[in-house]
Amino acid sequence: MLNEVVALESTRQRLILRTAGGSPLGEIDDDVVTVQSGARKGFTFRQIEFEIGGDDSDTSPDPDAVNAVLQELHRAGARSDGEQKFAKSLGLMTGWAGAIRSRRGRVRPFLSETWSR
């Protein structure tokens, strides 16, 4: 039996990026996420994702252009934390998002206990 662990509401603004020549570079998704249920109800955070690539999967974006975008995001205050919305909404420690993939033995009991409540 599955039980709800957390409900999220997300508002997304998407910006499609192209090079000066019009080639696809990627997209920036700017999400504002609010926890709607669970222990952190009302908690709001912002997550910005840079999805590299475009419509044509045969063409790789210019690495210099990608680096320029990453530098501008960093200069504007963005940082890379690798946290998933689910983990952040539950208040899991930074770094657990990677642990979910790489250390299932440690994380799975926590998830199983949470889902069975």
N, C-alpha and C. Protein backbone atom coordinates (compact mmCIF):
# COMPACT_ATOMS: atom_id res chain seq x y z
N MET A 1 0.83 -1.17 0.00
CA MET A 1 0.00 0.00 0.00
C MET A 1 0.89 1.24 0.00
N LEU A 2 0.58 2.16 -0.86
CA LEU A 2 1.33 3.41 -0.94
C LEU A 2 0.61 4.52 -0.20
N ASN A 3 1.37 5.31 0.52
CA ASN A 3 0.84 6.48 1.20
C ASN A 3 1.57 7.71 0.70
N GLU A 4 0.89 8.84 0.71
CA GLU A 4 1.52 10.09 0.31
C GLU A 4 2.59 10.47 1.32
N VAL A 5 3.76 10.81 0.83
CA VAL A 5 4.86 11.25 1.68
C VAL A 5 4.89 12.76 1.74
N VAL A 6 4.74 13.39 0.58
CA VAL A 6 4.79 14.84 0.50
C VAL A 6 4.09 15.25 -0.80
N ALA A 7 3.45 16.40 -0.77
CA ALA A 7 2.85 16.96 -1.99
C ALA A 7 3.54 18.29 -2.27
N LEU A 8 3.87 18.50 -3.53
CA LEU A 8 4.58 19.71 -3.94
C LEU A 8 3.75 20.48 -4.95
N GLU A 9 3.89 21.79 -4.92
CA GLU A 9 3.33 22.64 -5.96
C GLU A 9 4.50 23.40 -6.56
N SER A 10 4.61 23.36 -7.88
CA SER A 10 5.75 23.98 -8.53
C SER A 10 5.27 24.92 -9.63
N THR A 11 5.85 26.10 -9.67
CA THR A 11 5.60 27.05 -10.74
C THR A 11 6.89 27.19 -11.53
N ARG A 12 6.82 26.95 -12.84
CA ARG A 12 8.02 26.94 -13.67
C ARG A 12 7.99 28.04 -14.71
N GLN A 13 9.12 28.72 -14.83
CA GLN A 13 9.35 29.63 -15.94
C GLN A 13 10.48 29.03 -16.76
N ARG A 14 10.28 28.93 -18.06
CA ARG A 14 11.27 28.31 -18.94
C ARG A 14 11.83 29.35 -19.90
N LEU A 15 13.14 29.31 -20.04
CA LEU A 15 13.84 30.19 -20.97
C LEU A 15 14.62 29.31 -21.94
N ILE A 16 14.29 29.41 -23.23
CA ILE A 16 15.00 28.66 -24.26
C ILE A 16 16.22 29.47 -24.68
N LEU A 17 17.39 28.84 -24.66
CA LEU A 17 18.63 29.51 -25.02
C LEU A 17 19.09 29.09 -26.41
N ARG A 18 19.52 30.07 -27.19
CA ARG A 18 20.08 29.82 -28.52
C ARG A 18 21.37 30.60 -28.65
N THR A 19 22.24 30.11 -29.49
CA THR A 19 23.48 30.83 -29.77
C THR A 19 23.16 32.05 -30.62
N ALA A 20 24.16 32.92 -30.81
CA ALA A 20 23.98 34.10 -31.65
C ALA A 20 23.56 33.71 -33.06
N GLY A 21 23.98 32.54 -33.52
CA GLY A 21 23.61 32.05 -34.85
C GLY A 21 22.26 31.36 -34.89
N GLY A 22 21.59 31.23 -33.75
CA GLY A 22 20.27 30.64 -33.70
C GLY A 22 20.22 29.15 -33.39
N SER A 23 21.38 28.54 -33.20
CA SER A 23 21.42 27.11 -32.87
C SER A 23 20.97 26.89 -31.42
N PRO A 24 20.27 25.78 -31.15
CA PRO A 24 19.83 25.51 -29.77
C PRO A 24 21.02 25.28 -28.85
N LEU A 25 20.95 25.89 -27.68
CA LEU A 25 21.99 25.71 -26.67
C LEU A 25 21.45 24.93 -25.48
N GLY A 26 20.20 25.17 -25.14
CA GLY A 26 19.58 24.48 -24.01
C GLY A 26 18.42 25.31 -23.47
N GLU A 27 18.02 24.97 -22.25
CA GLU A 27 16.95 25.72 -21.61
C GLU A 27 17.25 25.86 -20.14
N ILE A 28 16.76 26.95 -19.58
CA ILE A 28 16.86 27.18 -18.15
C ILE A 28 15.44 27.09 -17.59
N ASP A 29 15.25 26.20 -16.62
CA ASP A 29 13.97 26.07 -15.94
C ASP A 29 14.13 26.65 -14.54
N ASP A 30 13.33 27.64 -14.24
CA ASP A 30 13.36 28.33 -12.95
C ASP A 30 12.09 27.94 -12.21
N ASP A 31 12.24 27.08 -11.21
CA ASP A 31 11.09 26.56 -10.46
C ASP A 31 11.02 27.16 -9.07
N VAL A 32 9.81 27.58 -8.68
CA VAL A 32 9.52 27.95 -7.30
C VAL A 32 8.62 26.83 -6.76
N VAL A 33 9.11 26.15 -5.73
CA VAL A 33 8.44 24.96 -5.21
C VAL A 33 7.95 25.23 -3.79
N THR A 34 6.70 24.88 -3.53
CA THR A 34 6.13 25.00 -2.19
C THR A 34 5.64 23.63 -1.74
N VAL A 35 6.03 23.23 -0.54
CA VAL A 35 5.58 21.97 0.04
C VAL A 35 4.14 22.15 0.51
N GLN A 36 3.24 21.32 0.01
CA GLN A 36 1.82 21.44 0.31
C GLN A 36 1.35 20.52 1.44
N SER A 37 2.14 19.51 1.77
CA SER A 37 1.75 18.60 2.86
C SER A 37 3.01 18.01 3.47
N GLY A 38 2.83 17.39 4.61
CA GLY A 38 3.96 16.77 5.29
C GLY A 38 4.55 17.67 6.36
N ALA A 39 5.66 17.24 6.91
CA ALA A 39 6.28 17.93 8.04
C ALA A 39 6.78 19.33 7.69
N ARG A 40 7.08 19.57 6.42
CA ARG A 40 7.62 20.88 6.03
C ARG A 40 6.60 21.70 5.25
N LYS A 41 5.32 21.47 5.52
CA LYS A 41 4.26 22.19 4.83
C LYS A 41 4.51 23.70 4.91
N GLY A 42 4.41 24.37 3.75
CA GLY A 42 4.63 25.80 3.68
C GLY A 42 6.06 26.18 3.29
N PHE A 43 6.99 25.24 3.39
CA PHE A 43 8.38 25.51 3.02
C PHE A 43 8.45 25.78 1.52
N THR A 44 9.11 26.87 1.14
CA THR A 44 9.24 27.25 -0.26
C THR A 44 10.71 27.38 -0.61
N PHE A 45 11.07 26.88 -1.79
CA PHE A 45 12.44 27.03 -2.25
C PHE A 45 12.43 27.20 -3.77
N ARG A 46 13.56 27.63 -4.26
CA ARG A 46 13.72 27.88 -5.69
C ARG A 46 14.80 26.95 -6.23
N GLN A 47 14.54 26.39 -7.40
CA GLN A 47 15.52 25.50 -8.03
C GLN A 47 15.63 25.89 -9.50
N ILE A 48 16.86 26.11 -9.93
CA ILE A 48 17.12 26.47 -11.32
C ILE A 48 17.88 25.33 -11.97
N GLU A 49 17.37 24.87 -13.09
CA GLU A 49 18.01 23.77 -13.82
C GLU A 49 18.43 24.27 -15.20
N PHE A 50 19.63 23.90 -15.59
CA PHE A 50 20.12 24.21 -16.93
C PHE A 50 20.19 22.89 -17.69
N GLU A 51 19.27 22.71 -18.61
CA GLU A 51 19.23 21.51 -19.45
C GLU A 51 20.00 21.81 -20.72
N ILE A 52 21.13 21.13 -20.90
CA ILE A 52 21.98 21.39 -22.04
C ILE A 52 21.50 20.58 -23.24
N GLY A 53 21.46 21.20 -24.39
CA GLY A 53 21.07 20.51 -25.62
C GLY A 53 19.84 21.14 -26.20
N GLY A 54 19.54 20.72 -27.40
CA GLY A 54 18.40 21.31 -28.08
C GLY A 54 17.57 20.28 -28.81
N ASP A 55 16.84 20.76 -29.78
CA ASP A 55 15.93 19.92 -30.54
C ASP A 55 16.66 18.86 -31.35
N ASP A 56 17.84 19.20 -31.84
CA ASP A 56 18.61 18.30 -32.70
C ASP A 56 19.61 17.53 -31.86
N SER A 57 19.31 16.27 -31.56
CA SER A 57 20.17 15.49 -30.68
C SER A 57 21.49 15.10 -31.34
N ASP A 58 21.62 15.31 -32.67
CA ASP A 58 22.86 14.98 -33.37
C ASP A 58 23.90 16.08 -33.21
N THR A 59 23.51 17.24 -32.73
CA THR A 59 24.42 18.37 -32.62
C THR A 59 24.69 18.67 -31.15
N SER A 60 25.96 18.74 -30.79
CA SER A 60 26.34 19.09 -29.42
C SER A 60 26.49 20.60 -29.32
N PRO A 61 26.01 21.19 -28.23
CA PRO A 61 26.16 22.64 -28.06
C PRO A 61 27.63 23.02 -27.92
N ASP A 62 27.94 24.24 -28.27
CA ASP A 62 29.29 24.78 -28.15
C ASP A 62 29.70 24.81 -26.68
N PRO A 63 30.76 24.10 -26.30
CA PRO A 63 31.17 24.05 -24.89
C PRO A 63 31.49 25.43 -24.31
N ASP A 64 32.05 26.33 -25.12
CA ASP A 64 32.35 27.68 -24.63
C ASP A 64 31.07 28.43 -24.27
N ALA A 65 30.03 28.26 -25.10
CA ALA A 65 28.75 28.92 -24.83
C ALA A 65 28.12 28.34 -23.57
N VAL A 66 28.20 27.02 -23.40
CA VAL A 66 27.66 26.37 -22.19
C VAL A 66 28.39 26.88 -20.96
N ASN A 67 29.71 26.95 -21.02
CA ASN A 67 30.49 27.46 -19.89
C ASN A 67 30.15 28.91 -19.58
N ALA A 68 29.91 29.71 -20.60
CA ALA A 68 29.53 31.11 -20.38
C ALA A 68 28.21 31.20 -19.62
N VAL A 69 27.24 30.35 -19.98
CA VAL A 69 25.95 30.34 -19.27
C VAL A 69 26.17 29.92 -17.82
N LEU A 70 26.94 28.87 -17.59
CA LEU A 70 27.20 28.40 -16.23
C LEU A 70 27.89 29.46 -15.40
N GLN A 71 28.85 30.18 -15.99
CA GLN A 71 29.54 31.24 -15.27
C GLN A 71 28.57 32.37 -14.89
N GLU A 72 27.68 32.72 -15.81
CA GLU A 72 26.70 33.79 -15.51
C GLU A 72 25.74 33.37 -14.41
N LEU A 73 25.31 32.12 -14.44
CA LEU A 73 24.43 31.62 -13.37
C LEU A 73 25.15 31.68 -12.03
N HIS A 74 26.40 31.24 -12.02
CA HIS A 74 27.20 31.27 -10.79
C HIS A 74 27.39 32.71 -10.32
N ARG A 75 27.70 33.61 -11.23
CA ARG A 75 27.89 35.02 -10.89
C ARG A 75 26.62 35.63 -10.31
N ALA A 76 25.47 35.14 -10.75
CA ALA A 76 24.18 35.65 -10.26
C ALA A 76 23.80 35.05 -8.91
N GLY A 77 24.62 34.12 -8.41
CA GLY A 77 24.36 33.55 -7.09
C GLY A 77 23.88 32.10 -7.09
N ALA A 78 23.71 31.51 -8.26
CA ALA A 78 23.29 30.11 -8.31
C ALA A 78 24.45 29.21 -7.89
N ARG A 79 24.11 28.10 -7.27
CA ARG A 79 25.13 27.12 -6.90
C ARG A 79 24.62 25.74 -7.25
N SER A 80 25.53 24.85 -7.48
CA SER A 80 25.17 23.48 -7.82
C SER A 80 25.11 22.65 -6.55
N ASP A 81 23.92 22.09 -6.24
CA ASP A 81 23.83 21.27 -5.03
C ASP A 81 23.37 19.84 -5.33
N GLY A 82 22.84 19.59 -6.51
CA GLY A 82 22.45 18.23 -6.88
C GLY A 82 21.25 17.68 -6.13
N GLU A 83 20.61 18.49 -5.30
CA GLU A 83 19.45 17.99 -4.55
C GLU A 83 18.22 17.89 -5.43
N GLN A 84 17.48 16.84 -5.23
CA GLN A 84 16.21 16.68 -5.92
C GLN A 84 15.12 17.36 -5.11
N LYS A 85 14.06 17.78 -5.80
CA LYS A 85 12.96 18.46 -5.11
C LYS A 85 12.38 17.60 -4.00
N PHE A 86 12.23 16.32 -4.27
CA PHE A 86 11.67 15.37 -3.30
C PHE A 86 12.50 15.38 -2.02
N ALA A 87 13.84 15.24 -2.17
CA ALA A 87 14.72 15.19 -1.00
C ALA A 87 14.70 16.50 -0.22
N LYS A 88 14.75 17.60 -0.94
CA LYS A 88 14.74 18.92 -0.28
C LYS A 88 13.42 19.13 0.46
N SER A 89 12.32 18.69 -0.13
CA SER A 89 11.00 18.86 0.48
C SER A 89 10.85 18.06 1.76
N LEU A 90 11.56 16.95 1.86
CA LEU A 90 11.51 16.13 3.06
C LEU A 90 12.53 16.58 4.10
N GLY A 91 13.40 17.53 3.72
CA GLY A 91 14.41 18.02 4.65
C GLY A 91 15.60 17.10 4.78
N LEU A 92 15.85 16.28 3.76
CA LEU A 92 17.01 15.41 3.80
C LEU A 92 18.27 16.26 3.66
N MET A 93 19.36 15.78 4.23
CA MET A 93 20.61 16.53 4.19
C MET A 93 21.08 16.71 2.75
N THR A 94 21.79 17.80 2.50
CA THR A 94 22.42 18.02 1.21
C THR A 94 23.33 16.84 0.93
N GLY A 95 23.27 16.37 -0.29
CA GLY A 95 24.11 15.23 -0.66
C GLY A 95 23.35 13.93 -0.68
N TRP A 96 22.18 13.87 -0.04
CA TRP A 96 21.42 12.63 -0.03
C TRP A 96 20.84 12.31 -1.40
N ALA A 97 20.66 13.33 -2.23
CA ALA A 97 20.11 13.07 -3.56
C ALA A 97 21.03 12.12 -4.31
N GLY A 98 22.33 12.32 -4.21
CA GLY A 98 23.27 11.40 -4.83
C GLY A 98 23.27 10.05 -4.13
N ALA A 99 23.04 10.07 -2.82
CA ALA A 99 23.03 8.83 -2.06
C ALA A 99 21.88 7.93 -2.48
N ILE A 100 20.78 8.53 -2.89
CA ILE A 100 19.63 7.72 -3.31
C ILE A 100 20.02 6.83 -4.47
N ARG A 101 20.87 7.34 -5.34
CA ARG A 101 21.32 6.54 -6.48
C ARG A 101 22.45 5.61 -6.10
N SER A 102 23.40 6.09 -5.29
CA SER A 102 24.63 5.34 -5.08
C SER A 102 24.67 4.51 -3.80
N ARG A 103 23.86 4.85 -2.83
CA ARG A 103 23.90 4.12 -1.56
C ARG A 103 22.50 3.67 -1.17
N ARG A 104 21.87 2.94 -2.03
CA ARG A 104 20.49 2.52 -1.79
C ARG A 104 20.30 1.78 -0.48
N GLY A 105 21.29 1.05 -0.07
CA GLY A 105 21.18 0.29 1.17
C GLY A 105 20.93 1.17 2.38
N ARG A 106 21.46 2.38 2.38
CA ARG A 106 21.27 3.29 3.51
C ARG A 106 19.97 4.08 3.39
N VAL A 107 19.62 4.46 2.20
CA VAL A 107 18.47 5.34 2.01
C VAL A 107 17.16 4.58 1.94
N ARG A 108 17.18 3.42 1.34
CA ARG A 108 15.95 2.65 1.15
C ARG A 108 15.20 2.39 2.45
N PRO A 109 15.86 2.01 3.57
CA PRO A 109 15.10 1.82 4.82
C PRO A 109 14.37 3.09 5.26
N PHE A 110 15.00 4.25 5.09
CA PHE A 110 14.35 5.51 5.44
C PHE A 110 13.11 5.71 4.59
N LEU A 111 13.24 5.51 3.27
CA LEU A 111 12.10 5.70 2.39
C LEU A 111 10.99 4.70 2.69
N SER A 112 11.36 3.45 2.94
CA SER A 112 10.36 2.42 3.25
C SER A 112 9.61 2.77 4.53
N GLU A 113 10.34 3.23 5.52
CA GLU A 113 9.70 3.60 6.80
C GLU A 113 8.76 4.78 6.59
N THR A 114 9.19 5.75 5.81
CA THR A 114 8.37 6.93 5.57
C THR A 114 7.12 6.57 4.79
N TRP A 115 7.27 5.73 3.75
CA TRP A 115 6.10 5.36 2.92
C TRP A 115 5.11 4.50 3.68
N SER A 116 5.57 3.75 4.67
CA SER A 116 4.65 2.84 5.35
C SER A 116 3.84 3.53 6.44
N ARG A 117 4.14 4.77 6.74
CA ARG A 117 3.39 5.50 7.78
C ARG A 117 1.98 5.82 7.34
